[in-house]
N, C-alpha and C. Protein backbone atom coordinates (compact mmCIF):
# COMPACT_ATOMS: atom_id res chain seq x y z
N UNK A 1 47.02 -48.90 -4.57
CA UNK A 1 46.95 -49.69 -3.36
C UNK A 1 45.48 -49.96 -3.01
N UNK A 2 45.19 -51.19 -2.60
CA UNK A 2 43.82 -51.55 -2.27
C UNK A 2 43.42 -51.04 -0.89
N UNK A 3 42.11 -50.80 -0.73
CA UNK A 3 41.58 -50.43 0.58
C UNK A 3 41.43 -51.68 1.42
N UNK A 4 41.51 -51.53 2.73
CA UNK A 4 41.21 -52.62 3.65
C UNK A 4 39.69 -52.62 3.85
N UNK A 5 39.01 -53.59 3.29
CA UNK A 5 37.56 -53.60 3.32
C UNK A 5 37.02 -53.74 4.74
N UNK A 6 37.72 -54.49 5.59
CA UNK A 6 37.23 -54.67 6.96
C UNK A 6 37.16 -53.34 7.70
N UNK A 7 38.07 -52.45 7.42
CA UNK A 7 38.07 -51.14 8.08
C UNK A 7 37.15 -50.17 7.36
N UNK A 8 37.14 -50.21 6.04
CA UNK A 8 36.32 -49.25 5.31
C UNK A 8 34.82 -49.50 5.51
N UNK A 9 34.44 -50.71 5.92
CA UNK A 9 33.04 -50.98 6.22
C UNK A 9 32.64 -50.45 7.59
N UNK A 10 33.59 -50.33 8.49
CA UNK A 10 33.30 -49.95 9.87
C UNK A 10 33.43 -48.47 10.15
N UNK A 11 34.19 -47.75 9.35
CA UNK A 11 34.40 -46.33 9.61
C UNK A 11 33.99 -45.49 8.41
N UNK A 12 33.84 -44.20 8.64
CA UNK A 12 33.48 -43.28 7.57
C UNK A 12 34.31 -42.02 7.77
N UNK A 13 34.75 -41.41 6.69
CA UNK A 13 35.48 -40.16 6.78
C UNK A 13 34.54 -39.03 6.40
N UNK A 14 34.41 -38.06 7.30
CA UNK A 14 33.47 -36.97 7.08
C UNK A 14 34.04 -35.97 6.08
N UNK A 15 33.25 -34.98 5.76
CA UNK A 15 33.64 -33.96 4.80
C UNK A 15 34.85 -33.16 5.29
N UNK A 16 34.93 -32.96 6.59
CA UNK A 16 36.04 -32.19 7.15
C UNK A 16 37.27 -33.05 7.42
N UNK A 17 37.16 -34.37 7.24
CA UNK A 17 38.31 -35.24 7.39
C UNK A 17 38.38 -36.03 8.68
N UNK A 18 37.33 -35.96 9.51
CA UNK A 18 37.32 -36.73 10.75
C UNK A 18 36.99 -38.19 10.43
N UNK A 19 37.51 -39.09 11.25
CA UNK A 19 37.21 -40.52 11.11
C UNK A 19 36.16 -40.87 12.14
N UNK A 20 35.01 -41.41 11.71
CA UNK A 20 33.88 -41.66 12.58
C UNK A 20 33.52 -43.14 12.53
N UNK A 21 33.15 -43.70 13.69
CA UNK A 21 32.72 -45.10 13.76
C UNK A 21 31.39 -45.17 14.50
N UNK A 22 30.69 -46.29 14.35
CA UNK A 22 29.45 -46.52 15.08
C UNK A 22 29.76 -46.96 16.50
N UNK A 23 28.87 -46.66 17.43
CA UNK A 23 29.03 -47.14 18.79
C UNK A 23 28.68 -48.62 18.84
N UNK A 24 29.39 -49.37 19.67
CA UNK A 24 29.13 -50.80 19.76
C UNK A 24 28.04 -51.07 20.78
N UNK A 25 27.44 -52.24 20.70
CA UNK A 25 26.51 -52.67 21.72
C UNK A 25 25.04 -52.56 21.37
N UNK A 26 24.70 -52.28 20.11
CA UNK A 26 23.28 -52.20 19.74
C UNK A 26 22.91 -53.23 18.67
N UNK A 27 23.73 -54.23 18.49
CA UNK A 27 23.42 -55.25 17.49
C UNK A 27 22.25 -56.14 17.90
N UNK A 28 22.23 -56.52 19.17
CA UNK A 28 21.14 -57.35 19.69
C UNK A 28 21.12 -57.21 21.20
N UNK A 29 20.20 -57.90 21.87
CA UNK A 29 20.04 -57.87 23.34
C UNK A 29 19.76 -56.46 23.86
N UNK A 30 18.86 -55.78 23.22
CA UNK A 30 18.53 -54.42 23.67
C UNK A 30 17.64 -54.43 24.90
N UNK A 31 16.96 -55.53 25.14
CA UNK A 31 16.05 -55.60 26.29
C UNK A 31 16.77 -55.52 27.61
N UNK A 32 18.02 -55.97 27.66
CA UNK A 32 18.78 -55.95 28.91
C UNK A 32 19.34 -54.57 29.23
N UNK A 33 19.42 -53.70 28.24
CA UNK A 33 20.05 -52.40 28.43
C UNK A 33 19.02 -51.34 28.82
N UNK A 34 19.47 -50.37 29.60
CA UNK A 34 18.58 -49.29 30.00
C UNK A 34 18.37 -48.33 28.83
N UNK A 35 17.35 -47.50 28.95
CA UNK A 35 17.05 -46.52 27.89
C UNK A 35 18.20 -45.56 27.71
N UNK A 36 18.84 -45.18 28.82
CA UNK A 36 19.97 -44.25 28.74
C UNK A 36 21.12 -44.86 27.96
N UNK A 37 21.41 -46.13 28.21
CA UNK A 37 22.49 -46.80 27.49
C UNK A 37 22.20 -46.84 26.00
N UNK A 38 20.97 -47.17 25.65
CA UNK A 38 20.60 -47.25 24.23
C UNK A 38 20.67 -45.88 23.55
N UNK A 39 20.24 -44.85 24.26
CA UNK A 39 20.28 -43.50 23.68
C UNK A 39 21.72 -43.05 23.46
N UNK A 40 22.60 -43.34 24.40
CA UNK A 40 24.01 -42.96 24.26
C UNK A 40 24.66 -43.67 23.08
N UNK A 41 24.26 -44.89 22.84
CA UNK A 41 24.91 -45.67 21.78
C UNK A 41 24.37 -45.38 20.39
N UNK A 42 23.32 -44.58 20.29
CA UNK A 42 22.80 -44.23 18.96
C UNK A 42 23.75 -43.31 18.21
N UNK A 43 24.46 -42.45 18.93
CA UNK A 43 25.34 -41.49 18.26
C UNK A 43 26.63 -42.16 17.83
N UNK A 44 27.28 -41.57 16.85
CA UNK A 44 28.55 -42.13 16.37
C UNK A 44 29.70 -41.46 17.10
N UNK A 45 30.82 -42.15 17.16
CA UNK A 45 32.00 -41.66 17.88
C UNK A 45 33.09 -41.34 16.87
N UNK A 46 33.95 -40.41 17.22
CA UNK A 46 35.07 -40.12 16.32
C UNK A 46 36.36 -40.70 16.89
N UNK A 47 37.26 -41.02 16.00
CA UNK A 47 38.55 -41.61 16.37
C UNK A 47 39.62 -40.54 16.17
N UNK A 48 39.88 -39.79 17.19
CA UNK A 48 40.80 -38.65 17.04
C UNK A 48 42.24 -39.10 16.87
N UNK A 49 42.71 -39.92 17.80
CA UNK A 49 44.13 -40.26 17.78
C UNK A 49 44.47 -41.25 16.67
N UNK A 50 43.57 -42.18 16.41
CA UNK A 50 43.84 -43.18 15.39
C UNK A 50 43.48 -42.71 13.99
N UNK A 51 42.81 -41.58 13.88
CA UNK A 51 42.34 -41.11 12.58
C UNK A 51 43.43 -40.95 11.55
N UNK A 52 44.52 -40.33 11.94
CA UNK A 52 45.62 -40.09 11.00
C UNK A 52 46.25 -41.39 10.54
N UNK A 53 46.43 -42.31 11.49
CA UNK A 53 47.05 -43.60 11.15
C UNK A 53 46.16 -44.41 10.21
N UNK A 54 44.86 -44.41 10.50
CA UNK A 54 43.92 -45.19 9.70
C UNK A 54 43.85 -44.63 8.28
N UNK A 55 43.76 -43.31 8.15
CA UNK A 55 43.69 -42.71 6.82
C UNK A 55 44.94 -43.01 6.00
N UNK A 56 46.07 -42.91 6.65
CA UNK A 56 47.34 -43.08 5.94
C UNK A 56 47.58 -44.54 5.55
N UNK A 57 47.30 -45.47 6.47
CA UNK A 57 47.71 -46.84 6.29
C UNK A 57 46.67 -47.72 5.59
N UNK A 58 45.39 -47.51 5.91
CA UNK A 58 44.38 -48.47 5.48
C UNK A 58 43.43 -47.97 4.40
N UNK A 59 43.31 -46.66 4.23
CA UNK A 59 42.33 -46.16 3.25
C UNK A 59 43.00 -45.47 2.09
C-alpha cells in the first residue's frame, strides 16, 4: 500500500511511536506576531487522538 505523501510530509513518527507535527503560523508575516507567539510556535506539537488513525490509515 502506498503512503499518502501529503500527510507524510507534514508529520513525523518518533522513536516511541508518537505522531508529531509542526506548529502553524511561522511561514511568513513574523513581524506582526509578538515574540511570545513566535517562541510558542517554534516547538512541535503531538497528535494524540489522531495518531492511531493516521498511522493505521495513511502511513
